[in-house]
C-alpha cells in the first residue's frame, strides 16, 4: 500500500493496494485529491496486516495459537475441547481473579481413575516473562480442581527460551506428594514448552537429541515427565 498525506489537513494515512486510485478521499477531513503528484520518485511500502498486523501479538494470541496447534498435532482425536482466554473468578473456591490463556481437555491415554486430563495454561511471546504472580494464580486454580474427574496440569509455554529464573518459578507450581528421608517427592503436574518444542512438527524432534526423554509423548502426564528431564532435573544424553 501507500502512505499518503492529505494536502488540506496535512495528516498522513494508509491506502491498501486494492484501494489505491488516482482520486482518493482523505479519511480524516473528507477532502478528495489527486494522489499522482505524491507518487513521483518513491517505492511502494509494505506493512504487516491481518493476524500479524498488531504490535501486541494479538494480546498473546500468537503464543496461544502455536501452543494449541502443537497439542492438536500431538493428541490428534484425543483433544476433546479447548478454550482460549478464560477469565476466572472465585465463587467458593480459594482462587484469585485471573485469566488462563488456554484450557485444554484431553482423554486419558491410560486407564486410570481419572479418565480426563485438563491443562490450564499461561502462554507468552518471546519477550514475555512467566512471573511469580502467573505461577501463584494458576497453582491455586489447579489445586481447586484436584477433586474433579480430571488429572490437572499447569502448562507454561513461551515462543522463546525460558530463563533460569522462570524455570525456578515454574518448579514452585509442582504438587507435593510426600516427604521421605528428608526428600520431597513431587507429582508430575507441570508442563513447560519453549520455542524448541513449539517450532518443530514433532514436539520433541529437537530435544530428544539432547536429553534422555520420550520422543513421542502421548499424554499431558508424559509431557510433564519430559519437562522434569529437560528443565527441572535435566538428563542430558550421554555420548555414545
Protein backbone atom coordinates (compact mmCIF):
# COMPACT_ATOMS: atom_id res chain seq x y z
CA UNK A 1 0.00 0.00 0.00
CA UNK A 2 0.84 3.68 0.11
CA UNK A 3 1.30 6.21 2.84
CA UNK A 4 -0.22 9.48 1.65
CA UNK A 5 -0.53 12.99 3.06
CA UNK A 6 -3.74 14.97 2.69
CA UNK A 7 -2.95 18.37 1.12
CA UNK A 8 -5.72 20.00 3.18
CA UNK A 9 -5.43 18.69 6.75
CA UNK A 10 -1.79 17.55 6.34
CA UNK A 11 -2.45 14.25 8.13
CA UNK A 12 -0.84 11.02 6.93
CA UNK A 13 -2.95 7.95 6.23
CA UNK A 14 -2.54 4.50 4.71
CA UNK A 15 -4.15 3.28 1.48
CA UNK A 16 -4.09 -0.51 0.85
CA UNK A 17 -3.03 -1.59 -2.63
CA UNK A 18 -6.54 -2.74 -3.60
CA UNK A 19 -7.99 0.68 -2.70
CA UNK A 20 -5.32 2.85 -4.34
CA UNK A 21 -6.65 5.05 -7.14
CA UNK A 22 -5.90 8.39 -8.73
CA UNK A 23 -8.56 10.34 -6.87
CA UNK A 24 -8.55 9.44 -3.17
CA UNK A 25 -10.60 10.80 -0.28
CA UNK A 26 -8.92 11.71 3.00
CA UNK A 27 -10.42 9.57 5.81
CA UNK A 28 -9.99 12.44 8.28
CA UNK A 29 -11.34 15.58 6.60
CA UNK A 30 -13.12 14.05 3.59
CA UNK A 31 -11.19 16.10 1.01
CA UNK A 32 -10.78 14.33 -2.34
CA UNK A 33 -7.47 14.88 -4.10
CA UNK A 34 -5.25 13.56 -6.88
CA UNK A 35 -2.51 11.28 -5.47
CA UNK A 36 -0.35 11.22 -8.61
CA UNK A 37 1.95 14.09 -7.53
CA UNK A 38 2.84 12.08 -4.41
CA UNK A 39 3.90 9.01 -6.42
CA UNK A 40 6.99 10.53 -8.02
CA UNK A 41 10.38 9.04 -7.14
CA UNK A 42 9.14 6.70 -4.45
CA UNK A 43 8.88 2.99 -3.82
CA UNK A 44 5.84 1.10 -2.74
CA UNK A 45 5.73 0.50 1.00
CA UNK A 46 4.57 -2.57 2.89
CA UNK A 47 3.27 -3.30 6.35
CA UNK A 48 2.01 -6.28 8.31
CA UNK A 49 -1.70 -6.97 8.19
CA UNK A 50 -4.32 -9.45 9.29
CA UNK A 51 -3.33 -11.84 12.07
CA UNK A 52 0.21 -10.45 12.26
CA UNK A 53 -0.73 -6.81 11.84
CA UNK A 54 -0.88 -5.88 15.51
CA UNK A 55 2.20 -4.99 17.51
CA UNK A 56 0.94 -6.58 20.74
CA UNK A 57 0.85 -10.16 19.40
CA UNK A 58 -2.93 -10.04 19.48
CA UNK A 59 -2.80 -9.87 23.29
CA UNK A 60 -0.99 -13.20 23.37
CA UNK A 61 -2.94 -14.76 20.52
CA UNK A 62 0.12 -16.00 18.63
CA UNK A 63 1.62 -17.97 21.57
CA UNK A 64 -1.81 -19.47 22.29
CA UNK A 65 -2.27 -20.45 18.63
CA UNK A 66 1.10 -22.19 18.28
CA UNK A 67 0.65 -23.97 21.63
CA UNK A 68 -2.79 -25.24 20.63
CA UNK A 69 -1.53 -26.26 17.20
CA UNK A 70 1.26 -28.34 18.74
CA UNK A 71 -1.10 -30.03 21.21
CA UNK A 72 -3.64 -30.76 18.48
CA UNK A 73 -0.91 -32.32 16.33
CA UNK A 74 0.28 -34.45 19.24
CA UNK A 75 -3.09 -35.66 20.53
CA UNK A 76 -4.95 -35.95 17.23
CA UNK A 77 -8.52 -37.05 18.04
CA UNK A 78 -8.00 -37.19 21.81
CA UNK A 79 -8.11 -33.40 22.17
CA UNK A 80 -11.74 -33.19 23.26
CA UNK A 81 -12.16 -29.47 23.87
CA UNK A 82 -10.25 -26.24 24.23
CA UNK A 83 -11.00 -22.66 25.22
CA UNK A 84 -8.68 -19.64 24.99
CA UNK A 85 -8.76 -16.57 27.21
CA UNK A 86 -10.96 -17.64 30.14
CA UNK A 87 -11.49 -15.15 32.96
CA UNK A 88 -11.69 -16.98 36.28
CA UNK A 89 -13.30 -15.54 39.40
CA UNK A 90 -13.76 -17.16 42.81
CA UNK A 91 -17.18 -18.29 43.95
CA UNK A 92 -16.45 -20.74 46.73
CA UNK A 93 -13.02 -21.88 45.51
CA UNK A 94 -9.91 -20.31 47.11
CA UNK A 95 -8.56 -18.77 43.91
CA UNK A 96 -7.72 -15.24 42.81
CA UNK A 97 -9.23 -13.31 39.92
CA UNK A 98 -7.11 -14.39 36.98
CA UNK A 99 -7.09 -15.45 33.37
CA UNK A 100 -5.92 -18.67 31.83
CA UNK A 101 -4.67 -18.11 28.28
CA UNK A 102 -5.72 -21.60 27.26
CA UNK A 103 -7.54 -24.59 28.74
CA UNK A 104 -7.44 -27.98 27.02
CA UNK A 105 -9.29 -31.19 27.83
CA UNK A 106 -7.79 -34.47 26.67
CA UNK A 107 -8.98 -38.06 27.01
CA UNK A 108 -6.54 -40.03 29.13
CA UNK A 109 -4.10 -42.31 27.30
CA UNK A 110 -4.04 -44.76 30.19
CA UNK A 111 -6.85 -46.46 32.09
CA UNK A 112 -6.91 -44.68 35.44
CA UNK A 113 -9.48 -43.48 37.94
CA UNK A 114 -9.31 -40.12 36.18
CA UNK A 115 -10.38 -40.58 32.54
CA UNK A 116 -9.62 -36.99 31.54
CA UNK A 117 -6.58 -34.72 31.55
CA UNK A 118 -7.05 -30.98 31.92
CA UNK A 119 -4.38 -28.31 31.45
CA UNK A 120 -4.65 -24.63 32.31
CA UNK A 121 -2.01 -22.58 30.54
CA UNK A 122 -0.06 -19.36 30.59
CA UNK A 123 1.33 -18.56 27.14
CA UNK A 124 3.96 -15.88 26.47
CA UNK A 125 5.57 -14.43 23.38
CA UNK A 126 9.36 -14.43 23.02
CA UNK A 127 9.73 -11.24 25.03
CA UNK A 128 7.21 -12.16 27.73
CA UNK A 129 8.07 -13.46 31.18
CA UNK A 130 6.45 -16.07 33.40
CA UNK A 131 6.02 -14.14 36.64
CA UNK A 132 5.59 -15.29 40.23
CA UNK A 133 2.04 -13.97 40.02
CA UNK A 134 1.30 -16.13 36.96
CA UNK A 135 2.57 -19.21 38.77
CA UNK A 136 0.75 -18.46 42.02
CA UNK A 137 -2.62 -17.86 40.40
CA UNK A 138 -2.58 -20.93 38.15
CA UNK A 139 -1.34 -23.08 41.02
CA UNK A 140 -4.40 -22.12 43.05
CA UNK A 141 -6.66 -22.89 40.08
CA UNK A 142 -5.09 -26.34 39.69
CA UNK A 143 -5.45 -27.02 43.42
CA UNK A 144 -9.13 -26.06 43.29
CA UNK A 145 -9.68 -28.65 40.53
CA UNK A 146 -7.87 -31.56 42.17
CA UNK A 147 -11.12 -33.25 43.25
CA UNK A 148 -12.57 -33.08 39.73
CA UNK A 149 -12.70 -36.15 37.45
CA UNK A 150 -9.66 -34.72 35.66
CA UNK A 151 -5.96 -35.11 36.24
CA UNK A 152 -4.95 -31.44 36.31
CA UNK A 153 -1.80 -29.92 34.83
CA UNK A 154 -0.33 -26.43 34.66
CA UNK A 155 1.16 -25.56 31.29
CA UNK A 156 3.66 -22.77 30.71
CA UNK A 157 4.53 -22.11 27.07
CA UNK A 158 6.76 -19.46 25.55
CA UNK A 159 7.73 -18.57 21.97
CA UNK A 160 11.30 -18.12 23.19
CA UNK A 161 13.66 -19.61 25.77
CA UNK A 162 12.86 -19.80 29.47
CA UNK A 163 15.28 -18.03 31.77
CA UNK A 164 16.70 -19.79 34.82
CA UNK A 165 14.51 -17.56 36.99
CA UNK A 166 11.38 -18.61 35.09
CA UNK A 167 12.29 -22.29 35.42
CA UNK A 168 12.63 -21.92 39.18
CA UNK A 169 9.25 -20.17 39.37
CA UNK A 170 7.56 -22.91 37.37
CA UNK A 171 9.09 -25.56 39.64
CA UNK A 172 7.22 -23.94 42.53
CA UNK A 173 3.92 -24.98 40.89
CA UNK A 174 4.64 -28.69 41.41
CA UNK A 175 2.26 -30.53 43.71
CA UNK A 176 3.93 -32.12 46.73
CA UNK A 177 3.18 -35.82 47.21
CA UNK A 178 5.15 -36.86 50.28
CA UNK A 179 8.46 -36.48 52.05
CA UNK A 180 10.79 -39.41 52.65
CA UNK A 181 14.14 -39.27 54.41
CA UNK A 182 14.23 -35.52 54.08
CA UNK A 183 13.49 -35.56 50.35
CA UNK A 184 10.26 -34.13 48.96
CA UNK A 185 8.63 -36.08 46.15
CA UNK A 186 6.52 -34.16 43.65
CA UNK A 187 3.75 -35.07 41.23
CA UNK A 188 4.32 -34.68 37.52
CA UNK A 189 1.82 -31.86 37.05
CA UNK A 190 3.81 -29.02 35.41
CA UNK A 191 4.47 -28.77 31.68
CA UNK A 192 6.90 -26.34 30.03
CA UNK A 193 7.10 -25.81 26.27
CA UNK A 194 9.64 -23.39 24.79
CA UNK A 195 10.34 -22.47 21.19
CA UNK A 196 12.37 -25.67 20.91
CA UNK A 197 9.21 -27.73 21.50
CA UNK A 198 6.70 -25.45 19.77
CA UNK A 199 8.55 -24.91 16.49
CA UNK A 200 9.06 -28.44 15.04
CA UNK A 201 6.22 -30.59 13.76
CA UNK A 202 7.09 -33.39 16.18
CA UNK A 203 7.17 -31.74 19.58
CA UNK A 204 10.45 -33.29 20.81
CA UNK A 205 12.18 -33.57 17.46
CA UNK A 206 14.98 -31.28 18.64
CA UNK A 207 15.07 -32.02 22.34
CA UNK A 208 15.31 -35.81 22.08
CA UNK A 209 18.75 -35.30 20.53
CA UNK A 210 19.94 -33.51 23.66
CA UNK A 211 18.01 -35.09 26.54
CA UNK A 212 17.01 -38.55 27.69
CA UNK A 213 13.27 -38.17 27.18
CA UNK A 214 10.33 -39.84 25.47
CA UNK A 215 10.38 -38.55 21.92
CA UNK A 216 6.73 -39.33 21.29
CA UNK A 217 4.63 -38.20 24.24
CA UNK A 218 1.04 -39.45 24.30
CA UNK A 219 -0.40 -37.65 27.31
CA UNK A 220 -0.14 -34.48 29.33
CA UNK A 221 1.50 -36.55 32.05
CA UNK A 222 4.25 -37.65 29.68
CA UNK A 223 4.78 -34.00 28.71
CA UNK A 224 5.17 -33.25 32.42
CA UNK A 225 7.69 -36.09 32.86
CA UNK A 226 9.71 -34.77 29.93
CA UNK A 227 9.56 -31.31 31.50
CA UNK A 228 11.31 -32.69 34.57
CA UNK A 229 14.01 -34.32 32.44
CA UNK A 230 14.59 -31.18 30.36
CA UNK A 231 14.07 -28.27 32.76
CA UNK A 232 13.81 -29.28 36.42
CA UNK A 233 16.28 -32.16 36.68
CA UNK A 234 17.98 -32.18 33.27
CA UNK A 235 19.08 -35.57 31.95
CA UNK A 236 21.40 -34.88 29.01
CA UNK A 237 22.08 -37.73 26.64
CA UNK A 238 25.48 -39.28 27.12
CA UNK A 239 27.73 -39.54 24.10
CA UNK A 240 27.72 -42.98 22.51
